[in-house]
Protein backbone atom coordinates (compact mmCIF):
# COMPACT_ATOMS: atom_id res chain seq x y z
CA MET A 1 0.00 0.00 0.00
CA THR A 2 1.32 3.45 -0.94
CA ARG A 3 2.20 5.72 1.96
CA ALA A 4 -0.02 8.77 2.24
CA PRO A 5 1.55 10.77 5.08
CA ALA A 6 -0.40 13.63 6.63
CA GLY A 7 0.20 15.65 9.74
CA MET A 8 2.55 18.11 11.37
CA LEU A 9 6.22 18.09 12.33
CA LEU A 10 7.75 20.42 14.92
CA VAL A 11 11.33 20.94 13.76
CA GLU A 12 14.30 22.64 15.43
CA LYS A 13 15.74 24.83 12.66
CA PRO A 14 19.54 25.05 12.75
CA ALA A 15 21.33 28.37 12.35
CA GLY A 16 22.45 29.11 8.81
CA TRP A 17 19.61 27.19 7.18
CA THR A 18 16.71 28.82 5.35
CA SER A 19 13.21 27.58 6.12
CA HIS A 20 13.01 26.37 2.52
CA ASP A 21 16.20 24.31 3.05
CA VAL A 22 14.59 22.50 5.99
CA VAL A 23 11.42 21.71 4.02
CA ALA A 24 13.48 20.47 1.05
CA VAL A 25 15.42 18.06 3.27
CA LEU A 26 12.26 16.68 4.87
CA ARG A 27 10.61 16.15 1.48
CA ARG A 28 13.33 13.64 0.67
CA SER A 29 12.07 11.49 3.56
CA LEU A 30 8.52 11.51 2.19
CA PRO A 31 7.03 9.53 -0.70
CA ARG A 32 7.58 11.09 -4.11
CA GLY A 33 5.05 13.84 -4.74
CA ALA A 34 4.05 14.30 -1.10
CA LYS A 35 3.51 17.94 -0.21
CA ALA A 36 5.25 19.72 2.66
CA GLY A 37 5.44 23.35 3.69
CA HIS A 38 6.27 25.54 6.66
CA THR A 39 3.83 27.89 8.36
CA GLY A 40 6.11 30.89 8.84
CA THR A 41 9.61 31.77 7.65
CA LEU A 42 12.57 32.01 10.00
CA ASP A 43 15.62 34.01 8.90
CA PRO A 44 18.78 31.95 8.22
CA LEU A 45 20.36 33.51 11.34
CA ALA A 46 17.48 32.29 13.52
CA THR A 47 17.07 28.96 15.27
CA GLY A 48 14.08 27.36 16.95
CA LEU A 49 10.63 26.18 16.10
CA LEU A 50 9.60 25.62 12.50
CA VAL A 51 6.13 24.09 12.08
CA ILE A 52 5.99 21.85 8.99
CA LEU A 53 2.71 20.58 7.53
CA VAL A 54 2.69 17.43 5.41
CA GLY A 55 0.28 16.01 2.84
CA PRO A 56 -3.36 17.20 2.90
CA CYS A 57 -2.57 19.16 6.10
CA THR A 58 -0.71 21.72 3.98
CA ARG A 59 -4.17 23.16 3.23
CA LEU A 60 -4.19 24.39 6.83
CA GLN A 61 -1.10 26.55 6.30
CA SER A 62 -2.88 29.91 6.23
CA ARG A 63 -4.73 29.13 9.47
CA LEU A 64 -1.53 28.34 11.37
CA GLN A 65 0.31 31.37 9.98
CA GLY A 66 -1.94 33.60 12.08
CA PHE A 67 -0.83 32.16 15.42
CA ASP A 68 1.05 34.39 17.88
CA LYS A 69 4.79 33.85 18.24
CA VAL A 70 7.32 33.96 21.08
CA TYR A 71 10.96 34.84 20.40
CA SER A 72 14.09 35.18 22.48
CA GLY A 73 17.51 36.42 21.47
CA THR A 74 20.01 39.23 21.61
CA ILE A 75 20.17 42.71 20.13
CA ARG A 76 23.52 44.43 19.61
CA LEU A 77 23.40 48.14 20.38
CA GLY A 78 25.71 50.64 18.68
CA GLU A 79 25.63 48.98 15.28
CA ARG A 80 23.37 49.33 12.25
CA THR A 81 23.43 46.96 9.24
CA ASP A 82 21.74 46.82 5.86
CA THR A 83 19.89 43.59 6.74
CA GLY A 84 18.92 44.47 10.31
CA ASP A 85 21.02 41.62 11.69
CA VAL A 86 24.71 40.79 12.08
CA THR A 87 24.84 38.85 8.79
CA GLY A 88 24.62 42.12 6.87
CA LYS A 89 27.01 44.91 5.94
CA VAL A 90 27.71 47.35 8.77
CA LEU A 91 26.40 50.77 7.78
CA GLU A 92 27.21 52.66 10.95
CA ARG A 93 28.72 52.24 14.41
CA ARG A 94 27.99 54.60 17.29
CA GLU A 95 28.93 54.85 20.93
CA VAL A 96 26.45 53.11 23.22
CA PRO A 97 25.23 55.40 26.01
CA ALA A 98 25.35 54.34 29.65
CA LEU A 99 22.27 52.18 30.08
CA SER A 100 20.85 50.03 32.85
CA LEU A 101 18.78 46.88 32.46
CA GLU A 102 15.92 48.76 34.08
CA ARG A 103 16.11 51.57 31.53
CA LEU A 104 16.24 49.11 28.66
CA GLY A 105 13.22 47.29 30.05
CA GLU A 106 11.33 50.58 30.08
CA GLU A 107 12.27 51.23 26.45
CA LEU A 108 11.04 47.79 25.38
CA ARG A 109 7.78 48.16 27.27
CA ALA A 110 7.24 51.55 25.62
CA LEU A 111 7.09 49.76 22.25
CA GLU A 112 4.46 47.25 23.40
CA GLY A 113 1.05 47.45 21.73
CA VAL A 114 0.49 48.16 18.05
CA PHE A 115 3.76 48.50 16.19
CA GLU A 116 3.88 49.81 12.62
CA ALA A 117 6.93 49.54 10.36
CA PRO A 118 7.73 48.40 6.82
CA ALA A 119 9.10 44.90 6.38
CA PRO A 120 12.92 44.79 6.23
CA ALA A 121 14.39 45.18 2.73
CA TYR A 122 16.01 41.76 3.15
CA SER A 123 12.85 39.73 3.76
CA ALA A 124 10.61 37.22 1.98
CA VAL A 125 7.70 39.67 1.71
CA LYS A 126 6.58 39.84 -1.91
CA HIS A 127 6.46 42.88 -4.20
CA LYS A 128 5.03 42.19 -7.67
CA GLY A 129 5.49 38.47 -7.06
CA LYS A 130 9.16 38.69 -6.08
CA ALA A 131 10.65 38.61 -2.58
CA LEU A 132 12.04 41.93 -1.32
CA TYR A 133 15.51 40.46 -0.80
CA HIS A 134 15.84 40.00 -4.59
CA TYR A 135 15.42 43.76 -5.08
CA ALA A 136 17.74 44.55 -2.16
CA ARG A 137 20.51 42.34 -3.54
CA ALA A 138 20.19 44.16 -6.86
CA GLY A 139 20.50 47.52 -5.10
CA LEU A 140 16.91 48.48 -5.90
CA GLU A 141 14.58 50.20 -3.45
CA VAL A 142 10.86 49.42 -3.63
CA PRO A 143 7.99 51.10 -1.78
CA VAL A 144 6.69 48.84 0.97
CA LYS A 145 3.53 49.62 2.91
CA PRO A 146 3.96 49.61 6.69
CA ARG A 147 2.88 46.40 8.38
CA HIS A 148 0.98 46.29 11.65
CA ALA A 149 1.96 43.95 14.46
CA MET A 150 0.86 43.57 18.06
CA LEU A 151 3.61 43.33 20.67
CA ARG A 152 1.99 41.50 23.60
CA SER A 153 5.01 41.80 25.86
CA TRP A 154 8.69 42.61 25.45
CA GLU A 155 11.10 41.91 28.32
CA ALA A 156 14.74 42.86 28.86
CA LEU A 157 16.38 39.78 30.39
CA SER A 158 20.04 40.76 30.75
CA TRP A 159 22.44 43.48 29.66
CA ALA A 160 26.11 42.82 28.86
CA PRO A 161 27.08 45.84 26.73
CA PRO A 162 26.61 45.99 23.81
CA GLU A 163 24.38 42.87 23.90
CA LEU A 164 20.81 43.00 25.21
CA SER A 165 19.08 39.68 25.87
CA HIS A 166 15.29 39.83 25.48
CA ARG A 167 12.07 37.86 25.17
CA LEU A 168 9.16 38.91 22.94
CA ALA A 169 5.54 37.71 22.63
CA CYS A 170 3.91 39.10 19.51
CA SER A 171 1.40 38.61 16.73
CA SER A 172 2.13 36.99 13.42
CA GLY A 173 3.85 39.28 10.94
CA THR A 174 6.25 40.82 13.46
CA TYR A 175 9.80 41.44 12.23
CA VAL A 176 12.23 41.43 15.14
CA ARG A 177 14.85 43.13 12.95
CA SER A 178 12.49 46.10 12.50
CA LEU A 179 11.93 46.19 16.26
CA ALA A 180 15.67 46.16 16.94
CA GLU A 181 16.14 49.07 14.57
CA ALA A 182 13.29 50.99 16.23
CA LEU A 183 14.92 50.43 19.62
CA GLY A 184 18.24 51.66 18.26
CA GLU A 185 16.60 54.83 17.00
CA ARG A 186 14.98 55.47 20.39
CA LEU A 187 18.34 55.10 22.11
CA GLY A 188 20.18 57.14 19.48
CA CYS A 189 22.89 54.57 18.88
CA GLY A 190 21.46 52.12 16.35
CA ALA A 191 20.87 48.41 16.91
CA THR A 192 20.84 45.13 15.03
CA VAL A 193 19.77 41.55 15.79
CA SER A 194 22.71 39.39 16.84
CA SER A 195 20.81 36.17 17.61
CA LEU A 196 17.21 35.02 17.44
CA ARG A 197 15.29 31.94 18.50
CA ARG A 198 11.59 31.17 17.99
CA GLU A 199 10.34 29.60 21.18
CA ALA A 200 6.65 29.09 20.33
CA VAL A 201 4.05 29.26 17.58
CA GLY A 202 0.60 29.38 19.15
CA PRO A 203 0.34 26.32 21.42
CA PHE A 204 3.41 24.63 19.92
CA HIS A 205 6.79 24.94 21.65
CA ALA A 206 10.41 24.54 20.63
CA ALA A 207 10.92 22.24 23.62
CA ASP A 208 8.84 19.64 21.75
CA ALA A 209 10.64 20.06 18.43
CA LEU A 210 12.76 17.34 16.85
CA ALA A 211 16.28 17.93 15.59
CA LEU A 212 16.56 17.97 11.81
CA ASP A 213 19.24 15.26 11.81
CA ALA A 214 16.97 12.98 13.87
CA LEU A 215 14.13 13.44 11.38
CA ARG A 216 16.40 12.77 8.42
CA ALA A 217 17.53 9.49 10.00
CA MET A 218 14.02 8.40 11.02
CA PRO A 219 12.69 5.21 9.35
CA ALA A 220 9.62 5.72 7.14
CA GLU A 221 7.32 3.84 9.50
CA GLU A 222 8.44 5.91 12.48
CA LEU A 223 8.01 9.16 10.55
CA ASP A 224 4.49 8.12 9.53
CA ALA A 225 3.67 7.32 13.16
CA CYS A 226 5.03 10.72 14.23
CA LEU A 227 2.81 12.47 11.67
CA ALA A 228 -0.26 10.47 12.69
CA ALA A 229 0.34 11.22 16.37
CA SER A 230 0.50 14.94 15.63
CA ARG A 231 -2.99 15.24 14.18
CA PRO A 232 -4.96 15.41 17.47
CA ALA A 233 -2.75 18.29 18.68
CA LEU A 234 -3.15 20.02 15.33
CA ASP A 235 -6.94 19.62 15.41
CA ALA A 236 -7.08 20.88 19.00
CA ALA A 237 -5.00 23.96 18.17
CA LEU A 238 -7.18 24.83 15.20
CA GLY A 239 -10.32 24.25 17.22
CA ALA A 240 -9.14 26.52 20.00
CA ALA A 241 -8.21 29.22 17.49
CA ALA A 242 -11.67 29.07 15.92
CA ALA A 243 -13.50 29.21 19.27
């Protein structure tokens, strides 16, 4: 009997990989022609939870994309780059003012609520059917409408100049690189993302994610069982979201 896998995989994305890379690797473990897709892009710099839908469950992609997210990571103050993170070209360096963890916490809390900013130039947001990063790499600027996001909470966890460790709970469509740049502007010294990890997507958590290498080595029968076991949790999450 032909395998017809369907379900969800919670994957720990390694640093340096694109979300598309992860999906492409997992497709090789599935029967030929089986569909697979992620429910929200993570930058190559980022690690953490990537939710992958397989088979007929890929039709649920748009419903899972709307789930809130939780991120943790570090922001480097005193530096501004063309990509909004440390993988990009440094555009400017400035002296970092004397700051306390308490003051930084106040600055983060001041940005909570509705946040409006254009998507970063180096992002997968489409303009005329092409991702913005294609235009940016060609040195072209395109007009991008501001995007709205809801910052539920933003905490300053530790401060070891110039690195600020933080934790953010936010709506879908939030670009942490844009937030870092906004913080840098408020402080007058510039800022860029130095590390980022997605901790949660709705009710799904990175603590439950499987390493990519483990999934690649998983026998077909075990992978099918993993997908089948995921469907009750997927149905429950969608049901709760619709309630």
